[in-house]
Full PDB file with SEQRES, HELIX, SHEET, SSBOND, CRYST1, ORIGX, SCALE, CONECT and MASTER records, all heavy atoms in Angstrom:
SEQRES   1 A   42  ASP ALA ALA HIS PRO PRO ALA GLN PRO ALA SER GLY ILE          
SEQRES   2 A   42  ALA LEU MET LEU CYS ALA VAL GLY CYS PHE ALA ALA ALA          
SEQRES   3 A   42  ASP THR LEU GLY LYS ILE LEU VAL ALA ASP TYR PRO ALA          
SEQRES   4 A   42  LEU GLN LEU                                                  
HELIX    1 AA1 PRO A    9  VAL A   34  1                                  26    
CRYST1    1.000    1.000    1.000  90.00  90.00  90.00 P 1           1          
ORIGX1      1.000000  0.000000  0.000000        0.00000                         
ORIGX2      0.000000  1.000000  0.000000        0.00000                         
ORIGX3      0.000000  0.000000  1.000000        0.00000                         
SCALE1      1.000000  0.000000  0.000000        0.00000                         
SCALE2      0.000000  1.000000  0.000000        0.00000                         
SCALE3      0.000000  0.000000  1.000000        0.00000                         
ATOM      1  N   ASP A   1       7.137 -10.184 -16.014  1.00  0.00           N  
ATOM      2  CA  ASP A   1       7.414  -8.968 -16.748  1.00  0.00           C  
ATOM      3  C   ASP A   1       7.393  -9.219 -18.240  1.00  0.00           C  
ATOM      4  O   ASP A   1       7.279  -8.304 -19.048  1.00  0.00           O  
ATOM      5  CB  ASP A   1       8.779  -8.395 -16.350  1.00  0.00           C  
ATOM      6  CG  ASP A   1       8.701  -7.680 -15.035  1.00  0.00           C  
ATOM      7  OD1 ASP A   1       7.616  -7.355 -14.564  1.00  0.00           O  
ATOM      8  OD2 ASP A   1       9.770  -7.421 -14.493  1.00  0.00           O  
ATOM      9  N   ALA A   2       7.522 -10.465 -18.630  1.00  0.00           N  
ATOM     10  CA  ALA A   2       7.498 -10.761 -20.045  1.00  0.00           C  
ATOM     11  C   ALA A   2       6.143 -10.533 -20.647  1.00  0.00           C  
ATOM     12  O   ALA A   2       5.991 -10.342 -21.844  1.00  0.00           O  
ATOM     13  CB  ALA A   2       7.946 -12.200 -20.271  1.00  0.00           C  
ATOM     14  N   ALA A   3       5.111 -10.579 -19.804  1.00  0.00           N  
ATOM     15  CA  ALA A   3       3.754 -10.354 -20.295  1.00  0.00           C  
ATOM     16  C   ALA A   3       3.494  -8.867 -20.404  1.00  0.00           C  
ATOM     17  O   ALA A   3       3.889  -8.091 -19.561  1.00  0.00           O  
ATOM     18  CB  ALA A   3       2.744 -10.986 -19.328  1.00  0.00           C  
ATOM     19  N   HIS A   4       2.799  -8.474 -21.483  1.00  0.00           N  
ATOM     20  CA  HIS A   4       2.479  -7.077 -21.697  1.00  0.00           C  
ATOM     21  C   HIS A   4       0.983  -6.955 -21.945  1.00  0.00           C  
ATOM     22  O   HIS A   4       0.540  -6.947 -23.087  1.00  0.00           O  
ATOM     23  CB  HIS A   4       3.268  -6.511 -22.879  1.00  0.00           C  
ATOM     24  CG  HIS A   4       4.746  -6.524 -22.653  1.00  0.00           C  
ATOM     25  ND1 HIS A   4       5.385  -5.603 -21.863  1.00  0.00           N  
ATOM     26  CD2 HIS A   4       5.714  -7.361 -23.104  1.00  0.00           C  
ATOM     27  CE1 HIS A   4       6.690  -5.855 -21.841  1.00  0.00           C  
ATOM     28  NE2 HIS A   4       6.904  -6.916 -22.581  1.00  0.00           N  
ATOM     29  N   PRO A   5       0.181  -6.901 -20.898  1.00  0.00           N  
ATOM     30  CA  PRO A   5      -1.253  -6.823 -21.079  1.00  0.00           C  
ATOM     31  C   PRO A   5      -1.635  -5.498 -21.714  1.00  0.00           C  
ATOM     32  O   PRO A   5      -0.909  -4.515 -21.598  1.00  0.00           O  
ATOM     33  CB  PRO A   5      -1.795  -6.913 -19.642  1.00  0.00           C  
ATOM     34  CG  PRO A   5      -0.670  -6.444 -18.785  1.00  0.00           C  
ATOM     35  CD  PRO A   5       0.575  -6.846 -19.474  1.00  0.00           C  
ATOM     36  N   PRO A   6      -2.764  -5.456 -22.424  1.00  0.00           N  
ATOM     37  CA  PRO A   6      -3.195  -4.195 -23.026  1.00  0.00           C  
ATOM     38  C   PRO A   6      -3.470  -3.149 -21.961  1.00  0.00           C  
ATOM     39  O   PRO A   6      -3.748  -3.462 -20.807  1.00  0.00           O  
ATOM     40  CB  PRO A   6      -4.484  -4.588 -23.770  1.00  0.00           C  
ATOM     41  CG  PRO A   6      -4.958  -5.833 -23.084  1.00  0.00           C  
ATOM     42  CD  PRO A   6      -3.717  -6.546 -22.647  1.00  0.00           C  
ATOM     43  N   ALA A   7      -3.351  -1.884 -22.384  1.00  0.00           N  
ATOM     44  CA  ALA A   7      -3.574  -0.791 -21.442  1.00  0.00           C  
ATOM     45  C   ALA A   7      -4.991  -0.843 -20.885  1.00  0.00           C  
ATOM     46  O   ALA A   7      -5.954  -0.991 -21.628  1.00  0.00           O  
ATOM     47  CB  ALA A   7      -3.330   0.543 -22.137  1.00  0.00           C  
ATOM     48  N   GLN A   8      -5.097  -0.746 -19.575  1.00  0.00           N  
ATOM     49  CA  GLN A   8      -6.388  -0.738 -18.893  1.00  0.00           C  
ATOM     50  C   GLN A   8      -6.355   0.397 -17.863  1.00  0.00           C  
ATOM     51  O   GLN A   8      -6.211   0.159 -16.671  1.00  0.00           O  
ATOM     52  CB  GLN A   8      -6.642  -2.073 -18.202  1.00  0.00           C  
ATOM     53  CG  GLN A   8      -6.585  -3.280 -19.140  1.00  0.00           C  
ATOM     54  CD  GLN A   8      -6.621  -4.591 -18.376  1.00  0.00           C  
ATOM     55  OE1 GLN A   8      -7.370  -4.742 -17.418  1.00  0.00           O  
ATOM     56  NE2 GLN A   8      -5.806  -5.541 -18.781  1.00  0.00           N  
ATOM     57  N   PRO A   9      -6.467   1.644 -18.338  1.00  0.00           N  
ATOM     58  CA  PRO A   9      -6.286   2.769 -17.421  1.00  0.00           C  
ATOM     59  C   PRO A   9      -7.255   2.783 -16.252  1.00  0.00           C  
ATOM     60  O   PRO A   9      -6.880   3.145 -15.138  1.00  0.00           O  
ATOM     61  CB  PRO A   9      -6.473   3.993 -18.327  1.00  0.00           C  
ATOM     62  CG  PRO A   9      -7.169   3.484 -19.548  1.00  0.00           C  
ATOM     63  CD  PRO A   9      -6.724   2.068 -19.714  1.00  0.00           C  
ATOM     64  N   ALA A  10      -8.505   2.385 -16.473  1.00  0.00           N  
ATOM     65  CA  ALA A  10      -9.484   2.420 -15.384  1.00  0.00           C  
ATOM     66  C   ALA A  10      -9.089   1.457 -14.264  1.00  0.00           C  
ATOM     67  O   ALA A  10      -9.107   1.825 -13.075  1.00  0.00           O  
ATOM     68  CB  ALA A  10     -10.875   2.084 -15.909  1.00  0.00           C  
ATOM     69  N   SER A  11      -8.706   0.231 -14.626  1.00  0.00           N  
ATOM     70  CA  SER A  11      -8.303  -0.730 -13.598  1.00  0.00           C  
ATOM     71  C   SER A  11      -6.968  -0.332 -12.974  1.00  0.00           C  
ATOM     72  O   SER A  11      -6.735  -0.566 -11.784  1.00  0.00           O  
ATOM     73  CB  SER A  11      -8.204  -2.142 -14.189  1.00  0.00           C  
ATOM     74  OG  SER A  11      -7.212  -2.208 -15.190  1.00  0.00           O  
ATOM     75  N   GLY A  12      -6.075   0.291 -13.767  1.00  0.00           N  
ATOM     76  CA  GLY A  12      -4.808   0.769 -13.219  1.00  0.00           C  
ATOM     77  C   GLY A  12      -5.034   1.840 -12.169  1.00  0.00           C  
ATOM     78  O   GLY A  12      -4.400   1.828 -11.103  1.00  0.00           O  
ATOM     79  N   ILE A  13      -5.943   2.769 -12.446  1.00  0.00           N  
ATOM     80  CA  ILE A  13      -6.260   3.831 -11.484  1.00  0.00           C  
ATOM     81  C   ILE A  13      -6.887   3.240 -10.227  1.00  0.00           C  
ATOM     82  O   ILE A  13      -6.558   3.631  -9.099  1.00  0.00           O  
ATOM     83  CB  ILE A  13      -7.189   4.875 -12.126  1.00  0.00           C  
ATOM     84  CG1 ILE A  13      -6.434   5.661 -13.197  1.00  0.00           C  
ATOM     85  CG2 ILE A  13      -7.770   5.819 -11.074  1.00  0.00           C  
ATOM     86  CD1 ILE A  13      -7.317   6.529 -14.057  1.00  0.00           C  
ATOM     87  N   ALA A  14      -7.793   2.277 -10.407  1.00  0.00           N  
ATOM     88  CA  ALA A  14      -8.426   1.630  -9.253  1.00  0.00           C  
ATOM     89  C   ALA A  14      -7.390   0.932  -8.380  1.00  0.00           C  
ATOM     90  O   ALA A  14      -7.434   1.016  -7.142  1.00  0.00           O  
ATOM     91  CB  ALA A  14      -9.492   0.644  -9.730  1.00  0.00           C  
ATOM     92  N   LEU A  15      -6.443   0.240  -9.019  1.00  0.00           N  
ATOM     93  CA  LEU A  15      -5.391  -0.435  -8.262  1.00  0.00           C  
ATOM     94  C   LEU A  15      -4.490   0.570  -7.547  1.00  0.00           C  
ATOM     95  O   LEU A  15      -4.072   0.339  -6.405  1.00  0.00           O  
ATOM     96  CB  LEU A  15      -4.557  -1.314  -9.197  1.00  0.00           C  
ATOM     97  CG  LEU A  15      -5.210  -2.629  -9.612  1.00  0.00           C  
ATOM     98  CD1 LEU A  15      -4.482  -3.232 -10.812  1.00  0.00           C  
ATOM     99  CD2 LEU A  15      -5.202  -3.627  -8.451  1.00  0.00           C  
ATOM    100  N   MET A  16      -4.195   1.690  -8.202  1.00  0.00           N  
ATOM    101  CA  MET A  16      -3.379   2.723  -7.567  1.00  0.00           C  
ATOM    102  C   MET A  16      -4.084   3.278  -6.329  1.00  0.00           C  
ATOM    103  O   MET A  16      -3.463   3.457  -5.267  1.00  0.00           O  
ATOM    104  CB  MET A  16      -3.091   3.845  -8.559  1.00  0.00           C  
ATOM    105  CG  MET A  16      -2.393   5.060  -7.948  1.00  0.00           C  
ATOM    106  SD  MET A  16      -0.773   4.690  -7.214  1.00  0.00           S  
ATOM    107  CE  MET A  16       0.243   4.629  -8.691  1.00  0.00           C  
ATOM    108  N   LEU A  17      -5.386   3.534  -6.430  1.00  0.00           N  
ATOM    109  CA  LEU A  17      -6.134   4.036  -5.285  1.00  0.00           C  
ATOM    110  C   LEU A  17      -6.138   3.018  -4.139  1.00  0.00           C  
ATOM    111  O   LEU A  17      -6.000   3.385  -2.969  1.00  0.00           O  
ATOM    112  CB  LEU A  17      -7.560   4.385  -5.700  1.00  0.00           C  
ATOM    113  CG  LEU A  17      -7.702   5.577  -6.656  1.00  0.00           C  
ATOM    114  CD1 LEU A  17      -9.153   5.734  -7.097  1.00  0.00           C  
ATOM    115  CD2 LEU A  17      -7.212   6.863  -5.989  1.00  0.00           C  
ATOM    116  N   CYS A  18      -6.300   1.743  -4.488  1.00  0.00           N  
ATOM    117  CA  CYS A  18      -6.258   0.701  -3.457  1.00  0.00           C  
ATOM    118  C   CYS A  18      -4.868   0.625  -2.818  1.00  0.00           C  
ATOM    119  O   CYS A  18      -4.742   0.454  -1.594  1.00  0.00           O  
ATOM    120  CB  CYS A  18      -6.626  -0.653  -4.058  1.00  0.00           C  
ATOM    121  SG  CYS A  18      -8.363  -0.818  -4.517  1.00  0.00           S  
ATOM    122  N   ALA A  19      -3.822   0.762  -3.645  1.00  0.00           N  
ATOM    123  CA  ALA A  19      -2.451   0.686  -3.134  1.00  0.00           C  
ATOM    124  C   ALA A  19      -2.162   1.813  -2.156  1.00  0.00           C  
ATOM    125  O   ALA A  19      -1.666   1.572  -1.043  1.00  0.00           O  
ATOM    126  CB  ALA A  19      -1.456   0.726  -4.298  1.00  0.00           C  
ATOM    127  N   VAL A  20      -2.472   3.053  -2.537  1.00  0.00           N  
ATOM    128  CA  VAL A  20      -2.162   4.178  -1.637  1.00  0.00           C  
ATOM    129  C   VAL A  20      -3.063   4.152  -0.407  1.00  0.00           C  
ATOM    130  O   VAL A  20      -2.667   4.619   0.673  1.00  0.00           O  
ATOM    131  CB  VAL A  20      -2.255   5.528  -2.373  1.00  0.00           C  
ATOM    132  CG1 VAL A  20      -1.240   5.583  -3.501  1.00  0.00           C  
ATOM    133  CG2 VAL A  20      -3.649   5.809  -2.892  1.00  0.00           C  
ATOM    134  N   GLY A  21      -4.268   3.584  -0.546  1.00  0.00           N  
ATOM    135  CA  GLY A  21      -5.113   3.384   0.623  1.00  0.00           C  
ATOM    136  C   GLY A  21      -4.460   2.422   1.600  1.00  0.00           C  
ATOM    137  O   GLY A  21      -4.481   2.647   2.825  1.00  0.00           O  
ATOM    138  N   CYS A  22      -3.844   1.359   1.069  1.00  0.00           N  
ATOM    139  CA  CYS A  22      -3.124   0.412   1.924  1.00  0.00           C  
ATOM    140  C   CYS A  22      -1.931   1.078   2.595  1.00  0.00           C  
ATOM    141  O   CYS A  22      -1.665   0.851   3.785  1.00  0.00           O  
ATOM    142  CB  CYS A  22      -2.652  -0.785   1.096  1.00  0.00           C  
ATOM    143  SG  CYS A  22      -3.948  -1.960   0.664  1.00  0.00           S  
ATOM    144  N   PHE A  23      -1.210   1.912   1.846  1.00  0.00           N  
ATOM    145  CA  PHE A  23      -0.049   2.589   2.433  1.00  0.00           C  
ATOM    146  C   PHE A  23      -0.475   3.502   3.584  1.00  0.00           C  
ATOM    147  O   PHE A  23       0.183   3.541   4.634  1.00  0.00           O  
ATOM    148  CB  PHE A  23       0.684   3.411   1.367  1.00  0.00           C  
ATOM    149  CG  PHE A  23       1.289   2.582   0.267  1.00  0.00           C  
ATOM    150  CD1 PHE A  23       1.447   3.108  -1.007  1.00  0.00           C  
ATOM    151  CD2 PHE A  23       1.708   1.285   0.501  1.00  0.00           C  
ATOM    152  CE1 PHE A  23       2.001   2.354  -2.025  1.00  0.00           C  
ATOM    153  CE2 PHE A  23       2.262   0.506  -0.508  1.00  0.00           C  
ATOM    154  CZ  PHE A  23       2.414   1.047  -1.778  1.00  0.00           C  
ATOM    155  N   ALA A  24      -1.568   4.246   3.391  1.00  0.00           N  
ATOM    156  CA  ALA A  24      -2.059   5.125   4.460  1.00  0.00           C  
ATOM    157  C   ALA A  24      -2.533   4.313   5.658  1.00  0.00           C  
ATOM    158  O   ALA A  24      -2.304   4.698   6.816  1.00  0.00           O  
ATOM    159  CB  ALA A  24      -3.189   6.005   3.930  1.00  0.00           C  
ATOM    160  N   ALA A  25      -3.199   3.182   5.392  1.00  0.00           N  
ATOM    161  CA  ALA A  25      -3.659   2.324   6.484  1.00  0.00           C  
ATOM    162  C   ALA A  25      -2.472   1.741   7.251  1.00  0.00           C  
ATOM    163  O   ALA A  25      -2.488   1.661   8.492  1.00  0.00           O  
ATOM    164  CB  ALA A  25      -4.539   1.205   5.931  1.00  0.00           C  
ATOM    165  N   ALA A  26      -1.414   1.323   6.522  1.00  0.00           N  
ATOM    166  CA  ALA A  26      -0.225   0.777   7.179  1.00  0.00           C  
ATOM    167  C   ALA A  26       0.461   1.847   8.028  1.00  0.00           C  
ATOM    168  O   ALA A  26       0.934   1.559   9.135  1.00  0.00           O  
ATOM    169  CB  ALA A  26       0.741   0.222   6.133  1.00  0.00           C  
ATOM    170  N   ASP A  27       0.518   3.084   7.525  1.00  0.00           N  
ATOM    171  CA  ASP A  27       1.115   4.169   8.311  1.00  0.00           C  
ATOM    172  C   ASP A  27       0.315   4.430   9.591  1.00  0.00           C  
ATOM    173  O   ASP A  27       0.883   4.660  10.661  1.00  0.00           O  
ATOM    174  CB  ASP A  27       1.179   5.448   7.478  1.00  0.00           C  
ATOM    175  CG  ASP A  27       2.277   5.415   6.431  1.00  0.00           C  
ATOM    176  OD1 ASP A  27       3.193   4.582   6.565  1.00  0.00           O  
ATOM    177  OD2 ASP A  27       2.219   6.220   5.475  1.00  0.00           O  
ATOM    178  N   THR A  28      -1.014   4.401   9.458  1.00  0.00           N  
ATOM    179  CA  THR A  28      -1.864   4.631  10.629  1.00  0.00           C  
ATOM    180  C   THR A  28      -1.680   3.527  11.666  1.00  0.00           C  
ATOM    181  O   THR A  28      -1.536   3.792  12.866  1.00  0.00           O  
ATOM    182  CB  THR A  28      -3.342   4.716  10.212  1.00  0.00           C  
ATOM    183  OG1 THR A  28      -3.500   5.746   9.223  1.00  0.00           O  
ATOM    184  CG2 THR A  28      -4.236   5.035  11.402  1.00  0.00           C  
ATOM    185  N   LEU A  29      -1.680   2.282  11.192  1.00  0.00           N  
ATOM    186  CA  LEU A  29      -1.465   1.156  12.100  1.00  0.00           C  
ATOM    187  C   LEU A  29      -0.064   1.203  12.693  1.00  0.00           C  
ATOM    188  O   LEU A  29       0.133   0.914  13.883  1.00  0.00           O  
ATOM    189  CB  LEU A  29      -1.699  -0.155  11.356  1.00  0.00           C  
ATOM    190  CG  LEU A  29      -1.627  -1.449  12.169  1.00  0.00           C  
ATOM    191  CD1 LEU A  29      -2.585  -1.412  13.348  1.00  0.00           C  
ATOM    192  CD2 LEU A  29      -1.930  -2.656  11.269  1.00  0.00           C  
ATOM    193  N   GLY A  30       0.914   1.587  11.868  1.00  0.00           N  
ATOM    194  CA  GLY A  30       2.285   1.704  12.364  1.00  0.00           C  
ATOM    195  C   GLY A  30       2.408   2.744  13.450  1.00  0.00           C  
ATOM    196  O   GLY A  30       3.145   2.556  14.424  1.00  0.00           O  
ATOM    197  N   LYS A  31       1.696   3.860  13.318  1.00  0.00           N  
ATOM    198  CA  LYS A  31       1.743   4.904  14.348  1.00  0.00           C  
ATOM    199  C   LYS A  31       1.203   4.377  15.678  1.00  0.00           C  
ATOM    200  O   LYS A  31       1.730   4.707  16.746  1.00  0.00           O  
ATOM    201  CB  LYS A  31       0.946   6.133  13.901  1.00  0.00           C  
ATOM    202  CG  LYS A  31       0.961   7.246  14.944  1.00  0.00           C  
ATOM    203  CD  LYS A  31       0.365   8.524  14.438  1.00  0.00           C  
ATOM    204  CE  LYS A  31       0.392   9.607  15.525  1.00  0.00           C  
ATOM    205  NZ  LYS A  31       1.760   9.904  15.993  1.00  0.00           N  
ATOM    206  N   ILE A  32       0.144   3.563  15.593  1.00  0.00           N  
ATOM    207  CA  ILE A  32      -0.419   2.991  16.815  1.00  0.00           C  
ATOM    208  C   ILE A  32       0.570   2.027  17.468  1.00  0.00           C  
ATOM    209  O   ILE A  32       0.825   2.080  18.680  1.00  0.00           O  
ATOM    210  CB  ILE A  32      -1.751   2.274  16.505  1.00  0.00           C  
ATOM    211  CG1 ILE A  32      -2.802   3.280  16.017  1.00  0.00           C  
ATOM    212  CG2 ILE A  32      -2.257   1.522  17.738  1.00  0.00           C  
ATOM    213  CD1 ILE A  32      -4.061   2.639  15.485  1.00  0.00           C  
ATOM    214  N   LEU A  33       1.168   1.141  16.657  1.00  0.00           N  
ATOM    215  CA  LEU A  33       2.043   0.096  17.194  1.00  0.00           C  
ATOM    216  C   LEU A  33       3.386   0.630  17.669  1.00  0.00           C  
ATOM    217  O   LEU A  33       3.957   0.109  18.638  1.00  0.00           O  
ATOM    218  CB  LEU A  33       2.260  -0.987  16.131  1.00  0.00           C  
ATOM    219  CG  LEU A  33       1.029  -1.827  15.785  1.00  0.00           C  
ATOM    220  CD1 LEU A  33       1.301  -2.714  14.582  1.00  0.00           C  
ATOM    221  CD2 LEU A  33       0.618  -2.686  16.980  1.00  0.00           C  
ATOM    222  N   VAL A  34       3.908   1.675  16.995  1.00  0.00           N  
ATOM    223  CA  VAL A  34       5.241   2.153  17.354  1.00  0.00           C  
ATOM    224  C   VAL A  34       5.240   2.837  18.719  1.00  0.00           C  
ATOM    225  O   VAL A  34       6.309   3.065  19.307  1.00  0.00           O  
ATOM    226  CB  VAL A  34       5.771   3.113  16.261  1.00  0.00           C  
ATOM    227  CG1 VAL A  34       5.185   4.517  16.406  1.00  0.00           C  
ATOM    228  CG2 VAL A  34       7.298   3.158  16.271  1.00  0.00           C  
ATOM    229  N   ALA A  35       4.075   3.133  19.252  1.00  0.00           N  
ATOM    230  CA  ALA A  35       4.000   3.682  20.607  1.00  0.00           C  
ATOM    231  C   ALA A  35       4.333   2.625  21.657  1.00  0.00           C  
ATOM    232  O   ALA A  35       4.723   2.959  22.780  1.00  0.00           O  
ATOM    233  CB  ALA A  35       2.603   4.255  20.866  1.00  0.00           C  
ATOM    234  N   ASP A  36       4.190   1.334  21.287  1.00  0.00           N  
ATOM    235  CA  ASP A  36       4.414   0.246  22.250  1.00  0.00           C  
ATOM    236  C   ASP A  36       5.573  -0.666  21.891  1.00  0.00           C  
ATOM    237  O   ASP A  36       6.047  -1.416  22.758  1.00  0.00           O  
ATOM    238  CB  ASP A  36       3.144  -0.611  22.367  1.00  0.00           C  
ATOM    239  CG  ASP A  36       1.960   0.172  22.890  1.00  0.00           C  
ATOM    240  OD1 ASP A  36       2.154   0.961  23.832  1.00  0.00           O  
ATOM    241  OD2 ASP A  36       0.843   0.004  22.353  1.00  0.00           O  
ATOM    242  N   TYR A  37       6.003  -0.636  20.617  1.00  0.00           N  
ATOM    243  CA  TYR A  37       7.050  -1.558  20.176  1.00  0.00           C  
ATOM    244  C   TYR A  37       8.155  -0.802  19.447  1.00  0.00           C  
ATOM    245  O   TYR A  37       7.893   0.199  18.780  1.00  0.00           O  
ATOM    246  CB  TYR A  37       6.469  -2.628  19.246  1.00  0.00           C  
ATOM    247  CG  TYR A  37       5.461  -3.533  19.918  1.00  0.00           C  
ATOM    248  CD1 TYR A  37       4.097  -3.314  19.751  1.00  0.00           C  
ATOM    249  CD2 TYR A  37       5.876  -4.581  20.724  1.00  0.00           C  
ATOM    250  CE1 TYR A  37       3.173  -4.137  20.380  1.00  0.00           C  
ATOM    251  CE2 TYR A  37       4.956  -5.403  21.359  1.00  0.00           C  
ATOM    252  CZ  TYR A  37       3.605  -5.180  21.181  1.00  0.00           C  
ATOM    253  OH  TYR A  37       2.691  -5.984  21.809  1.00  0.00           O  
ATOM    254  N   PRO A  38       9.411  -1.299  19.544  1.00  0.00           N  
ATOM    255  CA  PRO A  38      10.513  -0.672  18.805  1.00  0.00           C  
ATOM    256  C   PRO A  38      10.271  -0.746  17.294  1.00  0.00           C  
ATOM    257  O   PRO A  38       9.715  -1.730  16.786  1.00  0.00           O  
ATOM    258  CB  PRO A  38      11.736  -1.514  19.207  1.00  0.00           C  
ATOM    259  CG  PRO A  38      11.344  -2.192  20.481  1.00  0.00           C  
ATOM    260  CD  PRO A  38       9.864  -2.429  20.381  1.00  0.00           C  
ATOM    261  N   ALA A  39      10.698   0.288  16.587  1.00  0.00           N  
ATOM    262  CA  ALA A  39      10.496   0.332  15.135  1.00  0.00           C  
ATOM    263  C   ALA A  39      11.151  -0.860  14.452  1.00  0.00           C  
ATOM    264  O   ALA A  39      10.591  -1.434  13.504  1.00  0.00           O  
ATOM    265  CB  ALA A  39      11.053   1.643  14.581  1.00  0.00           C  
ATOM    266  N   LEU A  40      12.324  -1.272  14.912  1.00  0.00           N  
ATOM    267  CA  LEU A  40      13.029  -2.380  14.267  1.00  0.00           C  
ATOM    268  C   LEU A  40      12.277  -3.696  14.445  1.00  0.00           C  
ATOM    269  O   LEU A  40      12.302  -4.558  13.559  1.00  0.00           O  
ATOM    270  CB  LEU A  40      14.445  -2.490  14.830  1.00  0.00           C  
ATOM    271  CG  LEU A  40      15.400  -1.371  14.393  1.00  0.00           C  
ATOM    272  CD1 LEU A  40      16.693  -1.418  15.203  1.00  0.00           C  
ATOM    273  CD2 LEU A  40      15.702  -1.482  12.903  1.00  0.00           C  
ATOM    274  N   GLN A  41      11.611  -3.883  15.572  1.00  0.00           N  
ATOM    275  CA  GLN A  41      10.803  -5.086  15.757  1.00  0.00           C  
ATOM    276  C   GLN A  41       9.617  -5.087  14.799  1.00  0.00           C  
ATOM    277  O   GLN A  41       9.296  -6.115  14.197  1.00  0.00           O  
ATOM    278  CB  GLN A  41      10.311  -5.184  17.198  1.00  0.00           C  
ATOM    279  CG  GLN A  41       9.455  -6.415  17.461  1.00  0.00           C  
ATOM    280  CD  GLN A  41       9.076  -6.570  18.926  1.00  0.00           C  
ATOM    281  OE1 GLN A  41       9.706  -5.976  19.799  1.00  0.00           O  
ATOM    282  NE2 GLN A  41       8.063  -7.369  19.208  1.00  0.00           N  
ATOM    283  N   LEU A  42       8.972  -3.949  14.654  1.00  0.00           N  
ATOM    284  CA  LEU A  42       7.852  -3.851  13.711  1.00  0.00           C  
ATOM    285  C   LEU A  42       8.313  -4.115  12.286  1.00  0.00           C  
ATOM    286  O   LEU A  42       7.612  -4.781  11.509  1.00  0.00           O  
ATOM    287  CB  LEU A  42       7.206  -2.468  13.813  1.00  0.00           C  
ATOM    288  CG  LEU A  42       6.564  -2.099  15.147  1.00  0.00           C  
ATOM    289  CD1 LEU A  42       5.979  -0.694  15.086  1.00  0.00           C  
ATOM    290  CD2 LEU A  42       5.459  -3.107  15.511  1.00  0.00           C  
TER     291      LEU A  42                                                      
MASTER        0    0    0    1    0    0    0    6  290    1    0    4          
END                                                                             
């Protein structure tokens, strides 16, 4: 956190899109797995 890189809005937006894509993918995979396994185990 001590580092303060210069603003890079294009790369920040790209990373945000990748992040929310991962969240949606994890939710989709979680929906598949929670049908067979307890939520706490997952």
